C-alpha cells in the first residue's frame, strides 16, 4: 500500500500507468475483499480502518491531490461526474477514509485522518479541479460529507498551531461552502463549534481588498476591484487570495448565515461563550472587513 501511494505521487510521469496502483488501493480497502473470508462485518470494518489509517500515514491524500490535478482536466465541473469515470473513482477515494470512526486504531487516529485531508487537500491555493469539482462535490448533501466531525477536527488542528495559518482563506472557503447544505443538520454543540471556527478563521483572513483600498484614489480603487474579481492567478492557474477572501465575505453576508448565527444568540440556552464569540465575529467583520452586521 505504501508503494502504491508513492507510485501515485509520480503521476505526472506519462510513462507511469496509474491504473494498477489505483486498482490495488481500491481492492485492498474494499469491504467486499474481506467479508466473504472473515464473515464478520464489524471485524471487516476494523481491518479496513487499519489499512486506511496506514495509507493516510503514507501520503494517501497527497497522492489523490496530485492525481486529481494531473488526470482531470482543468475545465471539469461537478456536473461532469457521470461522464468522467476516473473523476467518480477519485471522489469516492477522497471520501472513503472520512466516513470511518477508527475505533480499532490507536487513539487520535480519526483526527490524524482529518488532519491529513485538511493539510494535504484544502490548505493550498485551490486549483480549478479542486474549486470547480471537489468542493462542489463535497458540498452536495447527497455526498454525505461528515461536516460536524470535520469542524471538530479543524478546530483542534487550529488550536495546536502556534502561528497564523497561510491556508486560512482556502479552509474558510471550504467550511462556508460545504456548510451551506449542512448547517441545518448540526447539533447544538456542532453549531457552537461552527461559531468558534468562524471566529478563528475570520481573524486570519487578510484585510479585504475593498477595505484596504478605501484610502487610495478612485482610480486605484477601481483597479484593485477589477483585480479582486479575477478568479485565478495567471502564473499558475490557482485562485488568488484576494478572490477567495472576497468570496468568503460574500458567503458570510447571506440570509442563511445571518439566521444561523442569530438563532444561536436567541436560544434560551445560549451561553456566555456564544455571546462573547459572536461579539468577536461581529467586531472582526466591522473593523477588519468594513462589513455591516445585523443590529439585534
C-alpha atoms as a PDB file:
ATOM      1  CA  UNK A   1       0.000   0.000   0.000  1.00  0.00           C
ATOM      2  CA  UNK A   2       2.867   2.338   0.807  1.00  0.00           C
ATOM      3  CA  UNK A   3       4.441   1.590  -2.571  1.00  0.00           C
ATOM      4  CA  UNK A   4       1.145   2.309  -4.342  1.00  0.00           C
ATOM      5  CA  UNK A   5       0.856   5.704  -2.664  1.00  0.00           C
ATOM      6  CA  UNK A   6       4.428   6.561  -3.632  1.00  0.00           C
ATOM      7  CA  UNK A   7       3.857   5.476  -7.232  1.00  0.00           C
ATOM      8  CA  UNK A   8       0.731   7.609  -7.495  1.00  0.00           C
ATOM      9  CA  UNK A   9       2.682  10.644  -6.326  1.00  0.00           C
ATOM     10  CA  UNK A  10       4.673  10.312  -9.568  1.00  0.00           C
ATOM     11  CA  UNK A  11       1.504  10.543 -11.662  1.00  0.00           C
ATOM     12  CA  UNK A  12       2.948  13.454 -13.678  1.00  0.00           C
ATOM     13  CA  UNK A  13       5.263  10.913 -15.289  1.00  0.00           C
ATOM     14  CA  UNK A  14       3.453   9.961 -18.505  1.00  0.00           C
ATOM     15  CA  UNK A  15       5.312   6.649 -18.636  1.00  0.00           C
ATOM     16  CA  UNK A  16       3.655   5.528 -15.392  1.00  0.00           C
ATOM     17  CA  UNK A  17       0.374   3.653 -15.663  1.00  0.00           C
ATOM     18  CA  UNK A  18      -1.621   4.659 -12.571  1.00  0.00           C
ATOM     19  CA  UNK A  19      -4.387   2.123 -13.202  1.00  0.00           C
ATOM     20  CA  UNK A  20      -2.618  -0.728 -11.386  1.00  0.00           C
ATOM     21  CA  UNK A  21      -1.759   1.086  -8.111  1.00  0.00           C
ATOM     22  CA  UNK A  22      -5.221   2.670  -8.089  1.00  0.00           C
ATOM     23  CA  UNK A  23      -6.810  -0.748  -8.543  1.00  0.00           C
ATOM     24  CA  UNK A  24      -4.712  -2.185  -5.720  1.00  0.00           C
ATOM     25  CA  UNK A  25      -5.801   0.599  -3.373  1.00  0.00           C
ATOM     26  CA  UNK A  26      -9.416   0.006  -4.358  1.00  0.00           C
ATOM     27  CA  UNK A  27      -9.267  -3.765  -3.811  1.00  0.00           C
ATOM     28  CA  UNK A  28      -7.375  -3.771  -0.521  1.00  0.00           C
ATOM     29  CA  UNK A  29      -9.564  -1.058   1.005  1.00  0.00           C
ATOM     30  CA  UNK A  30     -12.847  -2.668  -0.043  1.00  0.00           C
ATOM     31  CA  UNK A  31     -15.142  -4.465   2.381  1.00  0.00           C
ATOM     32  CA  UNK A  32     -16.022  -6.931  -0.391  1.00  0.00           C
ATOM     33  CA  UNK A  33     -12.454  -8.230  -0.386  1.00  0.00           C
ATOM     34  CA  UNK A  34     -12.589  -9.414   3.220  1.00  0.00           C
ATOM     35  CA  UNK A  35     -16.237 -10.104   4.047  1.00  0.00           C
ATOM     36  CA  UNK A  36     -16.515 -13.455   2.200  1.00  0.00           C
ATOM     37  CA  UNK A  37     -13.494 -14.723   4.148  1.00  0.00           C
ATOM     38  CA  UNK A  38     -13.940 -13.145   7.585  1.00  0.00           C
ATOM     39  CA  UNK A  39     -17.764 -13.241   7.580  1.00  0.00           C
ATOM     40  CA  UNK A  40     -17.899 -10.673  10.372  1.00  0.00           C
ATOM     41  CA  UNK A  41     -18.881  -7.153   9.321  1.00  0.00           C
ATOM     42  CA  UNK A  42     -17.507  -5.456  12.439  1.00  0.00           C
ATOM     43  CA  UNK A  43     -14.167  -7.238  12.083  1.00  0.00           C
ATOM     44  CA  UNK A  44     -14.013  -6.248   8.410  1.00  0.00           C
ATOM     45  CA  UNK A  45     -14.569  -2.609   9.380  1.00  0.00           C
ATOM     46  CA  UNK A  46     -11.656  -2.871  11.815  1.00  0.00           C
ATOM     47  CA  UNK A  47      -9.409  -4.258   9.076  1.00  0.00           C
ATOM     48  CA  UNK A  48     -10.405  -1.505   6.632  1.00  0.00           C
ATOM     49  CA  UNK A  49      -9.843   1.171   9.275  1.00  0.00           C
ATOM     50  CA  UNK A  50      -6.327  -0.030   9.959  1.00  0.00           C
ATOM     51  CA  UNK A  51      -5.494  -0.236   6.251  1.00  0.00           C
ATOM     52  CA  UNK A  52      -6.832   3.265   5.578  1.00  0.00           C
ATOM     53  CA  UNK A  53      -5.042   4.657   8.621  1.00  0.00           C
ATOM     54  CA  UNK A  54      -1.792   3.134   7.377  1.00  0.00           C
ATOM     55  CA  UNK A  55      -2.283   4.585   3.891  1.00  0.00           C
ATOM     56  CA  UNK A  56      -3.040   8.031   5.310  1.00  0.00           C
ATOM     57  CA  UNK A  57       0.341   7.927   7.058  1.00  0.00           C
ATOM     58  CA  UNK A  58       1.962   7.064   3.736  1.00  0.00           C
ATOM     59  CA  UNK A  59       0.740  10.015   1.693  1.00  0.00           C
ATOM     60  CA  UNK A  60      -2.692   8.776   0.602  1.00  0.00           C
ATOM     61  CA  UNK A  61      -4.273  12.226   0.364  1.00  0.00           C
ATOM     62  CA  UNK A  62      -1.172  13.743  -1.195  1.00  0.00           C
ATOM     63  CA  UNK A  63      -1.381  11.057  -3.885  1.00  0.00           C
ATOM     64  CA  UNK A  64      -5.061  11.772  -4.537  1.00  0.00           C
ATOM     65  CA  UNK A  65      -4.424  15.520  -4.694  1.00  0.00           C
ATOM     66  CA  UNK A  66      -1.729  15.043  -7.341  1.00  0.00           C
ATOM     67  CA  UNK A  67      -3.867  12.555  -9.274  1.00  0.00           C
ATOM     68  CA  UNK A  68      -6.870  14.871  -9.371  1.00  0.00           C
ATOM     69  CA  UNK A  69      -4.820  17.780 -10.658  1.00  0.00           C
ATOM     70  CA  UNK A  70      -2.888  15.617 -13.114  1.00  0.00           C
ATOM     71  CA  UNK A  71      -5.560  13.324 -14.546  1.00  0.00           C
ATOM     72  CA  UNK A  72      -8.654  15.542 -14.516  1.00  0.00           C
ATOM     73  CA  UNK A  73      -8.983  18.445 -16.970  1.00  0.00           C
ATOM     74  CA  UNK A  74      -8.935  21.951 -15.508  1.00  0.00           C
ATOM     75  CA  UNK A  75     -12.334  22.551 -17.104  1.00  0.00           C
ATOM     76  CA  UNK A  76     -14.035  19.748 -15.149  1.00  0.00           C
ATOM     77  CA  UNK A  77     -17.090  20.560 -13.039  1.00  0.00           C
ATOM     78  CA  UNK A  78     -19.159  18.508 -10.620  1.00  0.00           C
ATOM     79  CA  UNK A  79     -21.880  18.124 -13.257  1.00  0.00           C
ATOM     80  CA  UNK A  80     -19.370  16.134 -15.347  1.00  0.00           C
ATOM     81  CA  UNK A  81     -19.129  13.369 -12.732  1.00  0.00           C
ATOM     82  CA  UNK A  82     -21.203  10.770 -14.574  1.00  0.00           C
ATOM     83  CA  UNK A  83     -19.330  11.387 -17.840  1.00  0.00           C
ATOM     84  CA  UNK A  84     -15.798  11.068 -16.418  1.00  0.00           C
ATOM     85  CA  UNK A  85     -15.354   7.626 -14.778  1.00  0.00           C
ATOM     86  CA  UNK A  86     -11.984   8.408 -13.191  1.00  0.00           C
ATOM     87  CA  UNK A  87     -13.492  11.510 -11.559  1.00  0.00           C
ATOM     88  CA  UNK A  88     -16.089   9.380  -9.777  1.00  0.00           C
ATOM     89  CA  UNK A  89     -13.421   6.933  -8.582  1.00  0.00           C
ATOM     90  CA  UNK A  90     -11.190   9.716  -7.273  1.00  0.00           C
ATOM     91  CA  UNK A  91     -14.097  11.378  -5.457  1.00  0.00           C
ATOM     92  CA  UNK A  92     -15.027   8.085  -3.776  1.00  0.00           C
ATOM     93  CA  UNK A  93     -11.411   7.638  -2.707  1.00  0.00           C
ATOM     94  CA  UNK A  94     -11.349  11.122  -1.195  1.00  0.00           C
ATOM     95  CA  UNK A  95     -14.480  10.471   0.831  1.00  0.00           C
ATOM     96  CA  UNK A  96     -13.950   6.902   1.977  1.00  0.00           C
ATOM     97  CA  UNK A  97     -11.428   7.445   4.821  1.00  0.00           C
ATOM     98  CA  UNK A  98     -13.555  10.266   6.254  1.00  0.00           C
ATOM     99  CA  UNK A  99     -16.546   8.029   6.974  1.00  0.00           C
ATOM    100  CA  UNK A 100     -14.854   5.646   9.413  1.00  0.00           C
ATOM    101  CA  UNK A 101     -14.554   6.230  13.165  1.00  0.00           C
ATOM    102  CA  UNK A 102     -11.203   4.395  13.559  1.00  0.00           C
ATOM    103  CA  UNK A 103     -12.194   2.941  16.921  1.00  0.00           C
ATOM    104  CA  UNK A 104      -9.978  -0.063  16.178  1.00  0.00           C
ATOM    105  CA  UNK A 105      -6.916   2.159  15.684  1.00  0.00           C
ATOM    106  CA  UNK A 106      -4.781   3.999  18.252  1.00  0.00           C
ATOM    107  CA  UNK A 107      -6.354   6.988  19.968  1.00  0.00           C
ATOM    108  CA  UNK A 108      -6.429  10.069  17.787  1.00  0.00           C
ATOM    109  CA  UNK A 109      -6.454   8.127  14.505  1.00  0.00           C
ATOM    110  CA  UNK A 110      -9.570   9.830  13.153  1.00  0.00           C
ATOM    111  CA  UNK A 111      -8.088  13.217  13.981  1.00  0.00           C
ATOM    112  CA  UNK A 112      -4.975  12.227  12.020  1.00  0.00           C
ATOM    113  CA  UNK A 113      -7.119  11.325   9.008  1.00  0.00           C
ATOM    114  CA  UNK A 114      -8.930  14.677   9.048  1.00  0.00           C
ATOM    115  CA  UNK A 115      -5.628  16.476   9.583  1.00  0.00           C
ATOM    116  CA  UNK A 116      -4.105  14.809   6.517  1.00  0.00           C
ATOM    117  CA  UNK A 117      -7.208  15.597   4.470  1.00  0.00           C
ATOM    118  CA  UNK A 118      -7.128  19.229   5.600  1.00  0.00           C
ATOM    119  CA  UNK A 119      -3.420  19.890   5.214  1.00  0.00           C
ATOM    120  CA  UNK A 120      -2.792  17.897   2.031  1.00  0.00           C
ATOM    121  CA  UNK A 121      -6.025  18.760   0.230  1.00  0.00           C
ATOM    122  CA  UNK A 122      -7.524  22.044   1.368  1.00  0.00           C
ATOM    123  CA  UNK A 123      -4.793  24.281   2.764  1.00  0.00           C
ATOM    124  CA  UNK A 124      -3.096  25.116  -0.547  1.00  0.00           C
ATOM    125  CA  UNK A 125      -4.397  27.665  -3.090  1.00  0.00           C
ATOM    126  CA  UNK A 126      -7.199  25.946  -4.986  1.00  0.00           C
ATOM    127  CA  UNK A 127      -6.611  24.604  -8.463  1.00  0.00           C
ATOM    128  CA  UNK A 128      -9.528  24.634 -10.906  1.00  0.00           C
ATOM    129  CA  UNK A 129     -10.096  20.915 -10.282  1.00  0.00           C
ATOM    130  CA  UNK A 130     -10.417  21.406  -6.523  1.00  0.00           C
ATOM    131  CA  UNK A 131     -12.510  24.575  -6.791  1.00  0.00           C
ATOM    132  CA  UNK A 132     -14.933  23.518  -9.533  1.00  0.00           C
ATOM    133  CA  UNK A 133     -15.149  19.774  -8.907  1.00  0.00           C
ATOM    134  CA  UNK A 134     -14.058  18.539  -5.478  1.00  0.00           C
ATOM    135  CA  UNK A 135     -15.548  21.304  -3.324  1.00  0.00           C
ATOM    136  CA  UNK A 136     -18.980  21.338  -5.051  1.00  0.00           C
ATOM    137  CA  UNK A 137     -18.993  17.539  -4.829  1.00  0.00           C
ATOM    138  CA  UNK A 138     -18.328  17.531  -1.086  1.00  0.00           C
ATOM    139  CA  UNK A 139     -20.868  20.326  -0.605  1.00  0.00           C
ATOM    140  CA  UNK A 140     -23.605  18.206  -2.182  1.00  0.00           C
ATOM    141  CA  UNK A 141     -25.792  16.796   0.596  1.00  0.00           C
ATOM    142  CA  UNK A 142     -26.053  13.501  -1.315  1.00  0.00           C
ATOM    143  CA  UNK A 143     -22.320  13.001  -0.790  1.00  0.00           C
ATOM    144  CA  UNK A 144     -22.917  12.899   2.995  1.00  0.00           C
ATOM    145  CA  UNK A 145     -19.693  14.649   3.922  1.00  0.00           C
ATOM    146  CA  UNK A 146     -19.057  14.268   7.714  1.00  0.00           C
ATOM    147  CA  UNK A 147     -19.262  18.015   8.304  1.00  0.00           C
ATOM    148  CA  UNK A 148     -19.590  18.149  12.084  1.00  0.00           C
ATOM    149  CA  UNK A 149     -16.684  15.742  12.771  1.00  0.00           C
ATOM    150  CA  UNK A 150     -14.644  17.751  10.266  1.00  0.00           C
ATOM    151  CA  UNK A 151     -15.366  21.005  12.133  1.00  0.00           C
ATOM    152  CA  UNK A 152     -14.307  19.442  15.432  1.00  0.00           C
ATOM    153  CA  UNK A 153     -11.092  18.170  13.869  1.00  0.00           C
ATOM    154  CA  UNK A 154     -10.395  21.511  12.184  1.00  0.00           C
ATOM    155  CA  UNK A 155     -10.810  23.421  15.428  1.00  0.00           C
ATOM    156  CA  UNK A 156      -8.378  21.049  17.137  1.00  0.00           C
ATOM    157  CA  UNK A 157      -5.868  21.475  14.297  1.00  0.00           C
ATOM    158  CA  UNK A 158      -6.033  25.257  14.628  1.00  0.00           C
ATOM    159  CA  UNK A 159      -5.755  25.160  18.420  1.00  0.00           C
ATOM    160  CA  UNK A 160      -2.453  23.308  18.076  1.00  0.00           C
ATOM    161  CA  UNK A 161      -0.995  25.828  15.627  1.00  0.00           C
ATOM    162  CA  UNK A 162       1.318  28.337  17.267  1.00  0.00           C
ATOM    163  CA  UNK A 163       1.182  30.739  14.352  1.00  0.00           C
ATOM    164  CA  UNK A 164      -1.219  32.100  11.767  1.00  0.00           C
ATOM    165  CA  UNK A 165      -2.079  29.595   9.052  1.00  0.00           C
ATOM    166  CA  UNK A 166      -1.346  30.600   5.462  1.00  0.00           C
ATOM    167  CA  UNK A 167      -4.089  28.240   4.325  1.00  0.00           C
ATOM    168  CA  UNK A 168      -6.818  30.021   6.303  1.00  0.00           C
ATOM    169  CA  UNK A 169      -8.644  31.625   3.335  1.00  0.00           C
ATOM    170  CA  UNK A 170      -8.898  28.315   1.488  1.00  0.00           C
ATOM    171  CA  UNK A 171     -10.007  26.355   4.535  1.00  0.00           C
ATOM    172  CA  UNK A 172     -12.528  29.035   5.448  1.00  0.00           C
ATOM    173  CA  UNK A 173     -13.997  28.999   1.944  1.00  0.00           C
ATOM    174  CA  UNK A 174     -14.403  25.230   2.178  1.00  0.00           C
ATOM    175  CA  UNK A 175     -16.084  25.486   5.591  1.00  0.00           C
ATOM    176  CA  UNK A 176     -18.562  28.106   4.343  1.00  0.00           C
ATOM    177  CA  UNK A 177     -19.314  26.418   1.022  1.00  0.00           C
ATOM    178  CA  UNK A 178     -19.893  22.933   2.401  1.00  0.00           C
ATOM    179  CA  UNK A 179     -21.783  24.405   5.342  1.00  0.00           C
ATOM    180  CA  UNK A 180     -24.446  25.833   3.050  1.00  0.00           C
ATOM    181  CA  UNK A 181     -26.022  22.370   2.853  1.00  0.00           C
ATOM    182  CA  UNK A 182     -25.071  21.058   6.294  1.00  0.00           C
ATOM    183  CA  UNK A 183     -25.685  23.871   8.790  1.00  0.00           C
ATOM    184  CA  UNK A 184     -29.264  22.754   9.338  1.00  0.00           C
ATOM    185  CA  UNK A 185     -28.091  19.279  10.353  1.00  0.00           C
ATOM    186  CA  UNK A 186     -25.611  20.432  13.006  1.00  0.00           C
ATOM    187  CA  UNK A 187     -26.308  19.655  16.647  1.00  0.00           C
ATOM    188  CA  UNK A 188     -26.349  22.489  19.180  1.00  0.00           C
ATOM    189  CA  UNK A 189     -22.777  21.642  20.124  1.00  0.00           C
ATOM    190  CA  UNK A 190     -21.891  21.484  16.426  1.00  0.00           C
ATOM    191  CA  UNK A 191     -23.265  24.991  15.887  1.00  0.00           C
ATOM    192  CA  UNK A 192     -21.112  26.284  18.725  1.00  0.00           C
ATOM    193  CA  UNK A 193     -18.072  24.629  17.144  1.00  0.00           C
ATOM    194  CA  UNK A 194     -19.045  26.254  13.836  1.00  0.00           C
ATOM    195  CA  UNK A 195     -19.154  29.648  15.547  1.00  0.00           C
ATOM    196  CA  UNK A 196     -15.699  29.054  17.015  1.00  0.00           C
ATOM    197  CA  UNK A 197     -14.400  28.137  13.567  1.00  0.00           C
ATOM    198  CA  UNK A 198     -15.814  31.397  12.179  1.00  0.00           C
ATOM    199  CA  UNK A 199     -14.073  33.344  14.920  1.00  0.00           C
ATOM    200  CA  UNK A 200     -10.777  31.542  14.335  1.00  0.00           C
ATOM    201  CA  UNK A 201     -10.638  31.929  10.565  1.00  0.00           C
ATOM    202  CA  UNK A 202     -12.105  35.416  10.286  1.00  0.00           C
ATOM    203  CA  UNK A 203      -9.229  36.750  12.344  1.00  0.00           C
ATOM    204  CA  UNK A 204      -6.774  35.084   9.930  1.00  0.00           C
ATOM    205  CA  UNK A 205      -8.294  36.399   6.715  1.00  0.00           C
ATOM    206  CA  UNK A 206      -6.245  39.125   5.049  1.00  0.00           C
ATOM    207  CA  UNK A 207      -7.886  42.536   5.081  1.00  0.00           C
ATOM    208  CA  UNK A 208     -10.331  42.505   2.204  1.00  0.00           C
ATOM    209  CA  UNK A 209      -9.292  44.476  -0.891  1.00  0.00           C
ATOM    210  CA  UNK A 210     -12.352  46.695  -0.581  1.00  0.00           C
ATOM    211  CA  UNK A 211     -11.277  47.760   2.896  1.00  0.00           C
ATOM    212  CA  UNK A 212      -7.608  48.130   2.070  1.00  0.00           C
ATOM    213  CA  UNK A 213      -8.314  50.329  -0.918  1.00  0.00           C
ATOM    214  CA  UNK A 214     -10.518  52.841   0.889  1.00  0.00           C
ATOM    215  CA  UNK A 215      -7.540  55.136   1.451  1.00  0.00           C
ATOM    216  CA  UNK A 216      -6.429  55.019  -2.200  1.00  0.00           C
ATOM    217  CA  UNK A 217      -7.537  57.185  -5.089  1.00  0.00           C
ATOM    218  CA  UNK A 218     -10.684  56.355  -7.011  1.00  0.00           C
ATOM    219  CA  UNK A 219      -8.698  55.043  -9.973  1.00  0.00           C
ATOM    220  CA  UNK A 220      -6.537  52.827  -7.760  1.00  0.00           C
ATOM    221  CA  UNK A 221      -9.645  51.515  -6.046  1.00  0.00           C
ATOM    222  CA  UNK A 222     -11.202  50.629  -9.380  1.00  0.00           C
ATOM    223  CA  UNK A 223      -8.074  48.767 -10.490  1.00  0.00           C
ATOM    224  CA  UNK A 224      -7.950  46.777  -7.245  1.00  0.00           C
ATOM    225  CA  UNK A 225     -11.621  45.930  -7.537  1.00  0.00           C
ATOM    226  CA  UNK A 226     -11.084  44.576 -11.041  1.00  0.00           C
ATOM    227  CA  UNK A 227      -8.101  42.552  -9.819  1.00  0.00           C
ATOM    228  CA  UNK A 228     -10.131  41.092  -6.944  1.00  0.00           C
ATOM    229  CA  UNK A 229     -12.797  39.924  -9.379  1.00  0.00           C
ATOM    230  CA  UNK A 230     -10.317  37.761 -11.268  1.00  0.00           C
ATOM    231  CA  UNK A 231     -10.838  34.156 -10.147  1.00  0.00           C
ATOM    232  CA  UNK A 232      -7.327  32.924 -10.838  1.00  0.00           C
ATOM    233  CA  UNK A 233      -3.703  33.883 -10.962  1.00  0.00           C
ATOM    234  CA  UNK A 234      -2.218  33.803 -14.471  1.00  0.00           C
ATOM    235  CA  UNK A 235       1.113  32.459 -13.215  1.00  0.00           C
ATOM    236  CA  UNK A 236      -0.017  29.008 -12.112  1.00  0.00           C
ATOM    237  CA  UNK A 237      -3.764  28.871 -12.642  1.00  0.00           C
ATOM    238  CA  UNK A 238      -4.545  28.856  -8.916  1.00  0.00           C
ATOM    239  CA  UNK A 239      -7.162  31.088  -7.366  1.00  0.00           C
ATOM    240  CA  UNK A 240      -5.835  34.262  -5.782  1.00  0.00           C
ATOM    241  CA  UNK A 241      -6.027  35.028  -2.065  1.00  0.00           C
ATOM    242  CA  UNK A 242      -7.944  38.257  -2.679  1.00  0.00           C
ATOM    243  CA  UNK A 243     -10.562  36.445  -4.759  1.00  0.00           C
ATOM    244  CA  UNK A 244     -11.104  33.718  -2.160  1.00  0.00           C
ATOM    245  CA  UNK A 245     -11.243  36.301   0.647  1.00  0.00           C
ATOM    246  CA  UNK A 246     -13.976  38.233  -1.151  1.00  0.00           C
ATOM    247  CA  UNK A 247     -15.885  35.019  -1.817  1.00  0.00           C
ATOM    248  CA  UNK A 248     -15.715  34.142   1.886  1.00  0.00           C
ATOM    249  CA  UNK A 249     -17.149  37.526   2.830  1.00  0.00           C
ATOM    250  CA  UNK A 250     -19.928  37.182   0.261  1.00  0.00           C
ATOM    251  CA  UNK A 251     -20.869  33.798   1.685  1.00  0.00           C
ATOM    252  CA  UNK A 252     -20.952  35.236   5.196  1.00  0.00           C
ATOM    253  CA  UNK A 253     -23.238  38.028   4.027  1.00  0.00           C
ATOM    254  CA  UNK A 254     -26.202  35.773   3.252  1.00  0.00           C
ATOM    255  CA  UNK A 255     -29.584  35.309   4.870  1.00  0.00           C
ATOM    256  CA  UNK A 256     -28.785  31.696   5.766  1.00  0.00           C
ATOM    257  CA  UNK A 257     -25.605  32.633   7.615  1.00  0.00           C
ATOM    258  CA  UNK A 258     -27.286  35.533   9.396  1.00  0.00           C
ATOM    259  CA  UNK A 259     -30.234  33.425  10.528  1.00  0.00           C
ATOM    260  CA  UNK A 260     -27.971  30.599  11.715  1.00  0.00           C
ATOM    261  CA  UNK A 261     -25.884  32.928  13.861  1.00  0.00           C
ATOM    262  CA  UNK A 262     -28.847  34.886  15.209  1.00  0.00           C
ATOM    263  CA  UNK A 263     -30.646  31.680  16.171  1.00  0.00           C
ATOM    264  CA  UNK A 264     -27.629  30.760  18.277  1.00  0.00           C
ATOM    265  CA  UNK A 265     -27.939  34.016  20.204  1.00  0.00           C
ATOM    266  CA  UNK A 266     -31.704  33.933  20.571  1.00  0.00           C
ATOM    267  CA  UNK A 267     -31.830  30.476  22.141  1.00  0.00           C
ATOM    268  CA  UNK A 268     -32.761  30.323  25.796  1.00  0.00           C
ATOM    269  CA  UNK A 269     -29.809  28.007  26.279  1.00  0.00           C
ATOM    270  CA  UNK A 270     -27.323  30.481  24.757  1.00  0.00           C
ATOM    271  CA  UNK A 271     -24.227  30.583  26.943  1.00  0.00           C
ATOM    272  CA  UNK A 272     -21.884  33.427  27.745  1.00  0.00           C
ATOM    273  CA  UNK A 273     -19.394  31.885  25.323  1.00  0.00           C
ATOM    274  CA  UNK A 274     -21.900  32.208  22.469  1.00  0.00           C
ATOM    275  CA  UNK A 275     -22.362  35.939  23.111  1.00  0.00           C
ATOM    276  CA  UNK A 276     -18.633  36.531  23.534  1.00  0.00           C
ATOM    277  CA  UNK A 277     -17.713  34.622  20.382  1.00  0.00           C
ATOM    278  CA  UNK A 278     -20.483  36.304  18.391  1.00  0.00           C
ATOM    279  CA  UNK A 279     -19.274  39.717  19.531  1.00  0.00           C
ATOM    280  CA  UNK A 280     -15.763  38.822  18.368  1.00  0.00           C
ATOM    281  CA  UNK A 281     -17.056  37.726  14.947  1.00  0.00           C
ATOM    282  CA  UNK A 282     -19.087  40.917  14.506  1.00  0.00           C
ATOM    283  CA  UNK A 283     -16.177  43.105  15.614  1.00  0.00           C
ATOM    284  CA  UNK A 284     -13.832  41.463  13.085  1.00  0.00           C
ATOM    285  CA  UNK A 285     -16.379  41.851  10.284  1.00  0.00           C
ATOM    286  CA  UNK A 286     -16.919  45.535  11.030  1.00  0.00           C
ATOM    287  CA  UNK A 287     -13.362  46.622  11.798  1.00  0.00           C
ATOM    288  CA  UNK A 288     -11.234  44.416   9.565  1.00  0.00           C
ATOM    289  CA  UNK A 289     -13.585  43.937   6.624  1.00  0.00           C
ATOM    290  CA  UNK A 290     -15.871  47.002   6.854  1.00  0.00           C
ATOM    291  CA  UNK A 291     -18.993  44.848   6.743  1.00  0.00           C
ATOM    292  CA  UNK A 292     -22.367  45.763   8.159  1.00  0.00           C
ATOM    293  CA  UNK A 293     -23.735  43.349  10.753  1.00  0.00           C
ATOM    294  CA  UNK A 294     -27.380  42.915  11.813  1.00  0.00           C
ATOM    295  CA  UNK A 295     -28.450  45.065  14.747  1.00  0.00           C
ATOM    296  CA  UNK A 296     -30.050  42.808  17.340  1.00  0.00           C
END
